[in-house]
């Protein structure tokens, strides 16, 4: 339903669960500006079930950087694992960074390389900041970034929620993404003595 308030119409989302009502900030690709990678697995398929149903695997090679899709704060980080393999037995061995957006949602970066991030819990990150590098930790059958937006919970592995990227929406397997996660350049407002901006 919608309610008229002066010149504006305010729409209300009726949801059957709290998850459906969650919103995230605009999300940019989770890797640096101008780089190009393919989505190797979309949501609700393959290994993306249960808490990780709404996730994307992005074919980022080992050692390449990943970047914050929006401004946030590091809620959790693990960088000490050197263990991984192509079996669910390695599921709890992944290195990760969790970036909290402060609205009940957050981004999970999974399968990161050991000691690939200088961040700590509580550090602020801005859209485009590097948060780590892809590794081979956890349940991983080849180098890639597992990326999901999730509800904030008491763990690092929280229920994923539907999300989409600015310019790409919800990319499916095989989609090539050219990163639009570029620095925001503030306009120049200085005025020189001669009156020129």
N, C-alpha and C. Protein backbone atom coordinates (compact mmCIF):
# COMPACT_ATOMS: atom_id res chain seq x y z
N UNK A 1 0.82 -1.19 0.00
CA UNK A 1 0.00 0.00 0.00
C UNK A 1 0.86 1.24 0.00
N UNK A 2 0.25 2.36 -0.39
CA UNK A 2 0.96 3.63 -0.40
C UNK A 2 0.10 4.68 0.31
N UNK A 3 0.75 5.66 0.91
CA UNK A 3 0.07 6.72 1.63
C UNK A 3 0.55 8.04 1.07
N UNK A 4 -0.37 8.96 0.77
CA UNK A 4 -0.02 10.27 0.26
C UNK A 4 0.38 11.17 1.42
N UNK A 5 1.54 11.78 1.35
CA UNK A 5 2.06 12.71 2.35
C UNK A 5 2.46 13.99 1.61
N UNK A 6 1.58 14.96 1.57
CA UNK A 6 1.90 16.19 0.83
C UNK A 6 2.10 15.87 -0.64
N UNK A 7 3.24 16.29 -1.17
CA UNK A 7 3.55 16.03 -2.57
C UNK A 7 4.14 14.64 -2.80
N UNK A 8 4.43 13.90 -1.73
CA UNK A 8 5.12 12.63 -1.86
C UNK A 8 4.20 11.46 -1.52
N UNK A 9 4.40 10.37 -2.22
CA UNK A 9 3.71 9.14 -1.91
C UNK A 9 4.71 8.22 -1.23
N UNK A 10 4.36 7.73 -0.06
CA UNK A 10 5.23 6.84 0.69
C UNK A 10 4.70 5.43 0.54
N UNK A 11 5.52 4.53 0.02
CA UNK A 11 5.10 3.14 -0.16
C UNK A 11 5.59 2.31 1.01
N UNK A 12 4.78 1.37 1.43
CA UNK A 12 5.14 0.47 2.52
C UNK A 12 5.20 -0.94 1.97
N UNK A 13 6.26 -1.66 2.31
CA UNK A 13 6.43 -3.04 1.88
C UNK A 13 5.85 -3.95 2.95
N UNK A 14 4.86 -4.73 2.54
CA UNK A 14 4.32 -5.73 3.45
C UNK A 14 5.05 -7.02 3.17
N UNK A 15 5.63 -7.61 4.19
CA UNK A 15 6.44 -8.81 4.01
C UNK A 15 5.95 -9.91 4.92
N UNK A 16 6.14 -11.14 4.45
CA UNK A 16 5.74 -12.28 5.25
C UNK A 16 6.83 -12.65 6.24
N UNK A 17 8.03 -12.13 6.05
CA UNK A 17 9.11 -12.40 7.00
C UNK A 17 9.98 -11.17 7.12
N UNK A 18 10.74 -11.04 8.25
CA UNK A 18 11.60 -9.88 8.41
C UNK A 18 12.67 -9.79 7.34
N UNK A 19 13.11 -10.92 6.80
CA UNK A 19 14.16 -10.91 5.79
C UNK A 19 13.72 -10.13 4.56
N UNK A 20 12.49 -10.32 4.14
CA UNK A 20 11.99 -9.65 2.94
C UNK A 20 11.96 -8.14 3.10
N UNK A 21 11.89 -7.65 4.32
CA UNK A 21 11.80 -6.22 4.56
C UNK A 21 13.18 -5.56 4.64
N UNK A 22 14.26 -6.35 4.70
CA UNK A 22 15.58 -5.77 4.81
C UNK A 22 15.98 -5.09 3.50
N UNK A 23 16.70 -4.00 3.60
CA UNK A 23 17.21 -3.31 2.43
C UNK A 23 18.69 -3.07 2.65
N UNK A 24 19.42 -2.99 1.58
CA UNK A 24 20.85 -2.73 1.67
C UNK A 24 21.16 -1.41 0.98
N UNK A 25 22.36 -0.86 1.23
CA UNK A 25 22.75 0.32 0.44
C UNK A 25 22.99 -0.11 -1.00
N UNK A 26 23.09 0.82 -1.94
CA UNK A 26 23.44 0.44 -3.31
C UNK A 26 24.76 -0.34 -3.29
N UNK A 27 24.79 -1.47 -3.99
CA UNK A 27 25.96 -2.34 -3.97
C UNK A 27 26.70 -2.30 -5.29
N UNK A 28 28.00 -2.08 -5.21
CA UNK A 28 28.85 -2.12 -6.39
C UNK A 28 29.57 -3.47 -6.42
N UNK A 29 30.15 -3.82 -7.54
CA UNK A 29 30.84 -5.11 -7.66
C UNK A 29 31.90 -5.23 -6.56
N UNK A 30 32.07 -6.42 -5.99
CA UNK A 30 32.98 -6.58 -4.85
C UNK A 30 34.44 -6.78 -5.25
N UNK A 31 34.86 -6.04 -6.25
CA UNK A 31 36.27 -6.06 -6.67
C UNK A 31 36.59 -4.71 -7.30
N UNK A 32 37.89 -4.36 -7.39
CA UNK A 32 38.29 -2.99 -7.73
C UNK A 32 37.86 -2.50 -9.12
N UNK A 33 37.74 -1.21 -9.21
CA UNK A 33 37.32 -0.48 -10.40
C UNK A 33 38.06 -0.93 -11.65
N UNK A 34 37.29 -1.22 -12.71
CA UNK A 34 37.86 -1.53 -14.01
C UNK A 34 38.29 -2.96 -14.23
N UNK A 35 38.34 -3.77 -13.17
CA UNK A 35 38.71 -5.18 -13.36
C UNK A 35 37.49 -5.96 -13.84
N UNK A 36 37.73 -7.09 -14.52
CA UNK A 36 36.65 -7.87 -15.12
C UNK A 36 36.75 -9.33 -14.70
N UNK A 37 35.62 -9.87 -14.19
CA UNK A 37 35.56 -11.27 -13.80
C UNK A 37 34.18 -11.81 -14.16
N UNK A 38 34.06 -13.14 -14.24
CA UNK A 38 32.80 -13.80 -14.55
C UNK A 38 32.16 -14.37 -13.29
N UNK A 39 30.83 -14.37 -13.28
CA UNK A 39 30.09 -15.07 -12.23
C UNK A 39 30.17 -16.56 -12.58
N UNK A 40 30.66 -17.37 -11.64
CA UNK A 40 30.80 -18.80 -11.89
C UNK A 40 29.68 -19.62 -11.24
N UNK A 41 28.94 -19.00 -10.31
CA UNK A 41 27.78 -19.65 -9.72
C UNK A 41 26.85 -18.59 -9.15
N UNK A 42 25.60 -18.64 -9.53
CA UNK A 42 24.61 -17.71 -9.01
C UNK A 42 23.96 -18.27 -7.76
N UNK A 43 22.83 -17.68 -7.40
CA UNK A 43 22.16 -18.11 -6.17
C UNK A 43 21.23 -19.29 -6.40
N UNK A 44 20.90 -19.96 -5.29
CA UNK A 44 19.95 -21.08 -5.27
C UNK A 44 20.33 -22.23 -6.19
N UNK A 45 21.61 -22.50 -6.32
CA UNK A 45 22.04 -23.62 -7.14
C UNK A 45 23.39 -24.12 -6.71
N UNK A 46 23.74 -25.33 -7.11
CA UNK A 46 25.04 -25.90 -6.77
C UNK A 46 25.22 -25.96 -5.27
N UNK A 47 26.29 -25.36 -4.79
CA UNK A 47 26.56 -25.35 -3.35
C UNK A 47 25.86 -24.20 -2.62
N UNK A 48 25.14 -23.36 -3.34
CA UNK A 48 24.47 -22.21 -2.74
C UNK A 48 23.07 -22.60 -2.26
N UNK A 49 23.04 -23.10 -1.05
CA UNK A 49 21.79 -23.52 -0.41
C UNK A 49 21.76 -23.00 1.02
N UNK A 50 20.63 -23.16 1.67
CA UNK A 50 20.46 -22.78 3.08
C UNK A 50 20.93 -21.34 3.32
N UNK A 51 21.80 -21.12 4.32
CA UNK A 51 22.25 -19.75 4.63
C UNK A 51 22.93 -19.07 3.46
N UNK A 52 23.56 -19.85 2.59
CA UNK A 52 24.28 -19.27 1.45
C UNK A 52 23.52 -19.32 0.14
N UNK A 53 22.19 -19.49 0.21
CA UNK A 53 21.41 -19.62 -1.03
C UNK A 53 21.52 -18.39 -1.91
N UNK A 54 21.49 -17.19 -1.31
CA UNK A 54 21.58 -15.95 -2.07
C UNK A 54 23.03 -15.48 -2.07
N UNK A 55 23.83 -16.11 -2.91
CA UNK A 55 25.25 -15.78 -2.99
C UNK A 55 25.70 -15.85 -4.44
N UNK A 56 26.83 -15.27 -4.69
CA UNK A 56 27.47 -15.35 -6.00
C UNK A 56 28.89 -15.84 -5.80
N UNK A 57 29.35 -16.73 -6.67
CA UNK A 57 30.76 -17.05 -6.77
C UNK A 57 31.28 -16.30 -7.97
N UNK A 58 32.38 -15.61 -7.76
CA UNK A 58 32.98 -14.80 -8.83
C UNK A 58 34.37 -15.34 -9.08
N UNK A 59 34.68 -15.63 -10.33
CA UNK A 59 35.93 -16.28 -10.71
C UNK A 59 37.13 -15.35 -10.63
N UNK A 60 37.46 -14.95 -9.43
CA UNK A 60 38.61 -14.08 -9.21
C UNK A 60 39.81 -14.97 -8.90
N UNK A 61 40.91 -14.82 -9.63
CA UNK A 61 42.07 -15.68 -9.41
C UNK A 61 42.71 -15.48 -8.03
N UNK A 62 43.40 -16.50 -7.58
CA UNK A 62 44.10 -16.46 -6.31
C UNK A 62 45.06 -15.28 -6.30
N UNK A 63 45.02 -14.50 -5.22
CA UNK A 63 45.90 -13.35 -5.05
C UNK A 63 45.32 -12.04 -5.51
N UNK A 64 44.22 -12.07 -6.29
CA UNK A 64 43.62 -10.81 -6.75
C UNK A 64 42.78 -10.18 -5.64
N UNK A 65 42.64 -8.87 -5.69
CA UNK A 65 41.98 -8.10 -4.63
C UNK A 65 40.46 -8.16 -4.73
N UNK A 66 39.82 -8.01 -3.55
CA UNK A 66 38.38 -7.83 -3.45
C UNK A 66 38.13 -6.52 -2.71
N UNK A 67 36.99 -5.89 -2.98
CA UNK A 67 36.77 -4.53 -2.48
C UNK A 67 35.36 -4.37 -1.91
N UNK A 68 35.22 -3.47 -0.96
CA UNK A 68 33.94 -3.19 -0.31
C UNK A 68 32.93 -2.68 -1.34
N UNK A 69 31.71 -3.27 -1.36
CA UNK A 69 30.70 -2.84 -2.33
C UNK A 69 29.95 -1.58 -1.88
N UNK A 70 30.13 -1.20 -0.63
CA UNK A 70 29.47 -0.02 -0.05
C UNK A 70 30.21 0.34 1.23
N UNK A 71 29.91 1.50 1.78
CA UNK A 71 30.53 1.91 3.05
C UNK A 71 30.04 1.03 4.19
N UNK A 72 30.92 0.74 5.13
CA UNK A 72 30.53 -0.05 6.28
C UNK A 72 31.63 -0.11 7.32
N UNK A 73 31.49 -1.07 8.23
CA UNK A 73 32.46 -1.27 9.31
C UNK A 73 32.75 -2.77 9.39
N UNK A 74 34.00 -3.12 9.59
CA UNK A 74 34.35 -4.53 9.72
C UNK A 74 33.76 -5.07 11.02
N UNK A 75 32.87 -6.06 10.90
CA UNK A 75 32.27 -6.67 12.08
C UNK A 75 33.04 -7.90 12.52
N UNK A 76 33.50 -8.68 11.58
CA UNK A 76 34.28 -9.89 11.87
C UNK A 76 35.34 -10.07 10.79
N UNK A 77 36.45 -10.69 11.19
CA UNK A 77 37.50 -10.98 10.22
C UNK A 77 38.26 -12.21 10.70
N UNK A 78 38.64 -13.05 9.76
CA UNK A 78 39.53 -14.17 10.05
C UNK A 78 40.56 -14.21 8.96
N UNK A 79 41.82 -14.31 9.34
CA UNK A 79 42.91 -14.31 8.38
C UNK A 79 43.98 -15.35 8.70
N UNK A 80 43.72 -16.27 9.64
CA UNK A 80 44.77 -17.18 10.10
C UNK A 80 44.73 -18.58 9.49
N UNK A 81 43.75 -18.88 8.67
CA UNK A 81 43.64 -20.24 8.12
C UNK A 81 44.50 -20.41 6.88
N UNK A 82 45.14 -21.58 6.80
CA UNK A 82 45.88 -21.96 5.59
C UNK A 82 45.30 -23.25 5.02
N UNK A 83 44.09 -23.61 5.49
CA UNK A 83 43.48 -24.89 5.15
C UNK A 83 42.30 -24.72 4.21
N UNK A 84 42.21 -25.58 3.22
CA UNK A 84 41.08 -25.58 2.31
C UNK A 84 41.09 -26.81 1.45
N UNK A 85 39.96 -27.11 0.84
CA UNK A 85 39.86 -28.25 -0.06
C UNK A 85 38.46 -28.40 -0.60
N UNK A 86 38.31 -29.29 -1.56
CA UNK A 86 37.04 -29.47 -2.27
C UNK A 86 36.15 -30.48 -1.55
N UNK A 87 35.80 -30.14 -0.30
CA UNK A 87 34.94 -31.00 0.51
C UNK A 87 34.28 -30.15 1.59
N UNK A 88 33.05 -30.51 1.94
CA UNK A 88 32.35 -29.79 3.01
C UNK A 88 33.08 -29.91 4.35
N UNK A 89 33.99 -30.87 4.47
CA UNK A 89 34.77 -31.02 5.70
C UNK A 89 35.61 -29.78 5.99
N UNK A 90 35.87 -28.96 4.96
CA UNK A 90 36.66 -27.74 5.13
C UNK A 90 35.80 -26.50 5.35
N UNK A 91 34.50 -26.69 5.51
CA UNK A 91 33.56 -25.57 5.58
C UNK A 91 33.87 -24.51 6.61
N UNK A 92 34.45 -24.88 7.73
CA UNK A 92 34.75 -23.90 8.79
C UNK A 92 36.18 -23.41 8.76
N UNK A 93 36.91 -23.69 7.68
CA UNK A 93 38.33 -23.31 7.60
C UNK A 93 38.58 -22.08 6.74
N UNK A 94 37.53 -21.40 6.29
CA UNK A 94 37.71 -20.27 5.38
C UNK A 94 38.13 -19.00 6.12
N UNK A 95 38.98 -18.23 5.48
CA UNK A 95 39.23 -16.86 5.92
C UNK A 95 38.14 -15.99 5.34
N UNK A 96 37.77 -14.93 6.07
CA UNK A 96 36.67 -14.08 5.64
C UNK A 96 36.80 -12.68 6.20
N UNK A 97 36.06 -11.77 5.58
CA UNK A 97 35.83 -10.43 6.10
C UNK A 97 34.33 -10.19 6.02
N UNK A 98 33.74 -9.70 7.11
CA UNK A 98 32.33 -9.34 7.14
C UNK A 98 32.25 -7.84 7.33
N UNK A 99 31.63 -7.14 6.37
CA UNK A 99 31.47 -5.69 6.41
C UNK A 99 30.01 -5.37 6.72
N UNK A 100 29.79 -4.77 7.87
CA UNK A 100 28.45 -4.43 8.36
C UNK A 100 28.03 -3.07 7.82
N UNK A 101 26.82 -3.00 7.25
CA UNK A 101 26.32 -1.74 6.69
C UNK A 101 25.56 -0.90 7.71
N UNK A 102 25.35 -1.41 8.92
CA UNK A 102 24.70 -0.65 9.97
C UNK A 102 23.19 -0.59 9.85
N UNK A 103 22.61 -1.39 8.94
CA UNK A 103 21.16 -1.38 8.75
C UNK A 103 20.56 -2.77 8.94
N UNK A 104 21.33 -3.65 9.61
CA UNK A 104 20.87 -5.02 9.78
C UNK A 104 21.33 -5.96 8.69
N UNK A 105 22.10 -5.42 7.72
CA UNK A 105 22.64 -6.24 6.63
C UNK A 105 24.15 -6.06 6.56
N UNK A 106 24.80 -7.01 5.90
CA UNK A 106 26.25 -6.97 5.80
C UNK A 106 26.71 -7.80 4.60
N UNK A 107 27.97 -7.61 4.21
CA UNK A 107 28.57 -8.36 3.11
C UNK A 107 29.57 -9.36 3.68
N UNK A 108 29.53 -10.57 3.15
CA UNK A 108 30.50 -11.62 3.52
C UNK A 108 31.40 -11.89 2.33
N UNK A 109 32.71 -11.76 2.55
CA UNK A 109 33.74 -12.12 1.58
C UNK A 109 34.38 -13.40 2.09
N UNK A 110 34.31 -14.48 1.31
CA UNK A 110 34.74 -15.80 1.79
C UNK A 110 35.80 -16.41 0.88
N UNK A 111 36.66 -17.24 1.45
CA UNK A 111 37.76 -17.95 0.78
C UNK A 111 38.96 -17.04 0.56
N UNK A 112 39.22 -16.15 1.50
CA UNK A 112 40.33 -15.21 1.33
C UNK A 112 41.66 -15.85 1.70
N UNK A 113 42.74 -15.29 1.16
CA UNK A 113 44.08 -15.78 1.42
C UNK A 113 44.50 -15.43 2.84
N UNK A 114 45.36 -16.26 3.45
CA UNK A 114 45.85 -15.95 4.80
C UNK A 114 46.55 -14.60 4.84
N UNK A 115 46.29 -13.85 5.89
CA UNK A 115 46.95 -12.56 6.13
C UNK A 115 46.87 -11.61 4.95
N UNK A 116 45.77 -11.67 4.20
CA UNK A 116 45.64 -10.83 3.01
C UNK A 116 44.90 -9.52 3.29
N UNK A 117 44.56 -9.28 4.54
CA UNK A 117 43.89 -8.03 4.90
C UNK A 117 44.56 -7.42 6.12
N UNK A 118 44.74 -6.12 6.08
CA UNK A 118 45.30 -5.39 7.22
C UNK A 118 44.20 -4.84 8.11
N UNK A 119 42.95 -5.12 7.78
CA UNK A 119 41.83 -4.59 8.55
C UNK A 119 41.68 -5.29 9.89
N UNK A 120 40.98 -4.63 10.81
CA UNK A 120 40.64 -5.19 12.12
C UNK A 120 39.17 -4.93 12.39
N UNK A 121 38.62 -5.69 13.33
CA UNK A 121 37.23 -5.46 13.75
C UNK A 121 37.08 -4.01 14.19
N UNK A 122 36.02 -3.36 13.70
CA UNK A 122 35.75 -1.97 14.04
C UNK A 122 36.28 -0.96 13.05
N UNK A 123 37.13 -1.40 12.11
CA UNK A 123 37.66 -0.47 11.12
C UNK A 123 36.58 -0.06 10.13
N UNK A 124 36.49 1.24 9.84
CA UNK A 124 35.55 1.68 8.79
C UNK A 124 36.15 1.38 7.42
N UNK A 125 35.28 1.04 6.47
CA UNK A 125 35.71 0.86 5.08
C UNK A 125 34.78 1.68 4.20
N UNK A 126 35.33 2.21 3.15
CA UNK A 126 34.54 2.97 2.18
C UNK A 126 34.37 2.14 0.92
N UNK A 127 33.31 2.42 0.21
CA UNK A 127 33.07 1.74 -1.07
C UNK A 127 34.35 1.78 -1.90
N UNK A 128 34.78 0.62 -2.39
CA UNK A 128 35.97 0.53 -3.22
C UNK A 128 37.25 0.20 -2.48
N UNK A 129 37.24 0.30 -1.15
CA UNK A 129 38.44 -0.04 -0.38
C UNK A 129 38.73 -1.54 -0.50
N UNK A 130 39.99 -1.88 -0.67
CA UNK A 130 40.39 -3.29 -0.71
C UNK A 130 40.22 -3.89 0.68
N UNK A 131 39.56 -5.05 0.75
CA UNK A 131 39.35 -5.71 2.04
C UNK A 131 40.15 -7.01 2.16
N UNK A 132 40.76 -7.48 1.08
CA UNK A 132 41.55 -8.70 1.13
C UNK A 132 41.86 -9.19 -0.26
N UNK A 133 42.40 -10.43 -0.30
CA UNK A 133 42.75 -11.07 -1.57
C UNK A 133 42.18 -12.49 -1.58
N UNK A 134 41.84 -12.97 -2.76
CA UNK A 134 41.27 -14.31 -2.91
C UNK A 134 42.32 -15.36 -2.59
N UNK A 135 41.89 -16.40 -1.89
CA UNK A 135 42.76 -17.51 -1.55
C UNK A 135 42.08 -18.84 -1.82
N UNK A 136 42.58 -19.87 -1.17
CA UNK A 136 42.03 -21.22 -1.32
C UNK A 136 41.73 -21.80 0.05
N UNK A 137 41.01 -21.03 0.88
CA UNK A 137 40.70 -21.49 2.23
C UNK A 137 39.23 -21.87 2.33
N UNK A 138 38.96 -22.85 3.19
CA UNK A 138 37.59 -23.31 3.37
C UNK A 138 37.20 -24.33 2.32
N UNK A 139 35.89 -24.50 2.15
CA UNK A 139 35.33 -25.44 1.18
C UNK A 139 35.40 -24.78 -0.19
N UNK A 140 36.47 -25.06 -0.91
CA UNK A 140 36.71 -24.37 -2.17
C UNK A 140 37.28 -25.36 -3.19
N UNK A 141 36.68 -25.37 -4.37
CA UNK A 141 37.11 -26.28 -5.45
C UNK A 141 37.70 -25.45 -6.58
N UNK A 142 38.68 -24.64 -6.26
CA UNK A 142 39.29 -23.71 -7.22
C UNK A 142 39.10 -22.29 -6.74
N UNK A 143 40.03 -21.43 -7.08
CA UNK A 143 40.03 -20.05 -6.58
C UNK A 143 38.80 -19.29 -7.07
N UNK A 144 38.12 -18.63 -6.14
CA UNK A 144 37.00 -17.74 -6.44
C UNK A 144 36.64 -16.98 -5.17
N UNK A 145 35.86 -15.93 -5.33
CA UNK A 145 35.28 -15.21 -4.20
C UNK A 145 33.85 -15.68 -4.03
N UNK A 146 33.52 -16.14 -2.83
CA UNK A 146 32.11 -16.36 -2.48
C UNK A 146 31.66 -15.07 -1.82
N UNK A 147 30.64 -14.45 -2.40
CA UNK A 147 30.16 -13.15 -1.91
C UNK A 147 28.67 -13.23 -1.68
N UNK A 148 28.24 -12.79 -0.50
CA UNK A 148 26.80 -12.74 -0.23
C UNK A 148 26.48 -11.57 0.67
N UNK A 149 25.23 -11.10 0.53
CA UNK A 149 24.67 -10.13 1.46
C UNK A 149 23.81 -10.93 2.42
N UNK A 150 23.96 -10.64 3.70
CA UNK A 150 23.28 -11.45 4.71
C UNK A 150 22.74 -10.57 5.83
N UNK A 151 21.80 -11.15 6.58
CA UNK A 151 21.34 -10.52 7.80
C UNK A 151 22.49 -10.50 8.79
N UNK A 152 22.56 -9.50 9.63
CA UNK A 152 23.54 -9.49 10.71
C UNK A 152 23.05 -10.44 11.79
N UNK A 153 23.94 -11.34 12.24
CA UNK A 153 23.58 -12.29 13.28
C UNK A 153 24.80 -12.46 14.20
N UNK A 154 24.79 -13.45 15.06
CA UNK A 154 25.88 -13.63 16.01
C UNK A 154 27.08 -14.36 15.41
N UNK A 155 26.97 -14.86 14.20
CA UNK A 155 28.02 -15.64 13.56
C UNK A 155 28.60 -14.88 12.38
N UNK A 156 29.59 -15.50 11.72
CA UNK A 156 30.07 -14.96 10.44
C UNK A 156 29.24 -15.52 9.30
N UNK A 157 28.57 -16.63 9.52
CA UNK A 157 27.77 -17.31 8.49
C UNK A 157 26.31 -17.11 8.85
N UNK A 158 25.69 -16.08 8.30
CA UNK A 158 24.32 -15.69 8.63
C UNK A 158 23.42 -15.94 7.42
N UNK A 159 22.10 -15.92 7.61
CA UNK A 159 21.20 -16.14 6.47
C UNK A 159 21.39 -15.09 5.37
N UNK A 160 21.66 -15.56 4.17
CA UNK A 160 21.80 -14.65 3.03
C UNK A 160 20.43 -14.11 2.65
N UNK A 161 20.44 -12.95 2.01
CA UNK A 161 19.19 -12.30 1.60
C UNK A 161 19.30 -11.88 0.14
N UNK A 162 18.17 -11.77 -0.55
CA UNK A 162 18.22 -11.28 -1.93
C UNK A 162 18.86 -9.90 -2.00
N UNK A 163 19.69 -9.71 -3.01
CA UNK A 163 20.38 -8.43 -3.20
C UNK A 163 20.67 -8.28 -4.68
N UNK A 164 21.12 -7.11 -5.06
CA UNK A 164 21.47 -6.88 -6.46
C UNK A 164 22.56 -5.81 -6.53
N UNK A 165 23.24 -5.79 -7.68
CA UNK A 165 24.33 -4.84 -7.89
C UNK A 165 23.87 -3.67 -8.76
N UNK A 166 24.39 -2.48 -8.47
CA UNK A 166 24.18 -1.32 -9.33
C UNK A 166 24.71 -1.70 -10.71
N UNK A 167 23.96 -1.45 -11.74
CA UNK A 167 24.28 -1.71 -13.15
C UNK A 167 24.15 -3.16 -13.58
N UNK A 168 24.12 -4.13 -12.64
CA UNK A 168 24.08 -5.54 -13.04
C UNK A 168 22.90 -6.31 -12.49
N UNK A 169 22.20 -5.76 -11.53
CA UNK A 169 21.08 -6.49 -10.95
C UNK A 169 21.55 -7.77 -10.28
N UNK A 170 20.91 -8.88 -10.64
CA UNK A 170 21.20 -10.20 -10.06
C UNK A 170 21.86 -11.05 -11.16
N UNK A 171 23.19 -10.97 -11.30
CA UNK A 171 23.84 -11.68 -12.40
C UNK A 171 23.81 -13.20 -12.23
N UNK A 172 23.63 -13.90 -13.34
CA UNK A 172 23.56 -15.37 -13.34
C UNK A 172 24.91 -15.93 -13.81
N UNK A 173 25.02 -17.25 -13.71
CA UNK A 173 26.24 -17.95 -14.15
C UNK A 173 26.66 -17.47 -15.54
N UNK A 174 27.95 -17.23 -15.71
CA UNK A 174 28.48 -16.84 -17.00
C UNK A 174 28.45 -15.36 -17.30
N UNK A 175 27.80 -14.57 -16.43
CA UNK A 175 27.75 -13.12 -16.65
C UNK A 175 29.13 -12.52 -16.42
N UNK A 176 29.59 -11.72 -17.37
CA UNK A 176 30.86 -11.00 -17.22
C UNK A 176 30.59 -9.65 -16.57
N UNK A 177 31.31 -9.38 -15.49
CA UNK A 177 31.14 -8.13 -14.76
C UNK A 177 32.40 -7.27 -14.89
N UNK A 178 32.24 -6.07 -15.42
CA UNK A 178 33.31 -5.08 -15.43
C UNK A 178 33.05 -4.20 -14.22
N UNK A 179 33.99 -4.12 -13.31
CA UNK A 179 33.72 -3.45 -12.04
C UNK A 179 33.40 -1.98 -12.21
N UNK A 180 32.28 -1.60 -11.59
CA UNK A 180 31.86 -0.20 -11.51
C UNK A 180 32.14 0.36 -10.12
N UNK A 181 32.98 -0.34 -9.35
CA UNK A 181 33.29 0.04 -7.97
C UNK A 181 34.47 1.01 -7.98
N UNK A 182 34.19 2.21 -8.45
CA UNK A 182 35.23 3.21 -8.67
C UNK A 182 35.18 4.29 -7.60
N UNK A 183 36.33 4.93 -7.32
CA UNK A 183 36.35 5.98 -6.31
C UNK A 183 35.39 7.11 -6.67
N UNK A 184 34.78 7.67 -5.64
CA UNK A 184 33.89 8.81 -5.84
C UNK A 184 34.76 10.06 -5.82
N UNK A 185 34.71 10.84 -6.89
CA UNK A 185 35.51 12.06 -6.98
C UNK A 185 34.62 13.24 -6.64
N UNK A 186 34.99 13.91 -5.58
CA UNK A 186 34.23 15.08 -5.13
C UNK A 186 34.50 16.25 -6.08
N UNK A 187 33.47 17.03 -6.41
CA UNK A 187 33.69 18.18 -7.30
C UNK A 187 34.54 19.24 -6.61
N UNK A 188 35.32 19.92 -7.41
CA UNK A 188 36.17 21.00 -6.89
C UNK A 188 35.30 22.20 -6.58
N UNK A 189 35.42 22.71 -5.36
CA UNK A 189 34.64 23.89 -4.97
C UNK A 189 35.53 25.08 -4.63
N UNK A 190 36.86 24.91 -4.79
CA UNK A 190 37.77 25.99 -4.48
C UNK A 190 37.66 27.08 -5.52
N UNK A 191 37.81 28.31 -5.10
CA UNK A 191 37.76 29.44 -6.00
C UNK A 191 39.09 30.18 -5.92
N UNK A 192 39.73 30.39 -7.08
CA UNK A 192 41.00 31.09 -7.14
C UNK A 192 40.77 32.58 -6.97
N UNK A 193 41.84 33.34 -6.73
CA UNK A 193 41.74 34.80 -6.52
C UNK A 193 41.07 35.52 -7.68
N UNK A 194 41.24 34.99 -8.89
CA UNK A 194 40.65 35.64 -10.05
C UNK A 194 39.19 35.29 -10.27
N UNK A 195 38.62 34.50 -9.38
CA UNK A 195 37.20 34.16 -9.50
C UNK A 195 36.94 32.89 -10.27
N UNK A 196 37.98 32.21 -10.74
CA UNK A 196 37.79 30.96 -11.47
C UNK A 196 37.68 29.80 -10.49
N UNK A 197 36.80 28.86 -10.81
CA UNK A 197 36.66 27.66 -9.98
C UNK A 197 37.72 26.66 -10.35
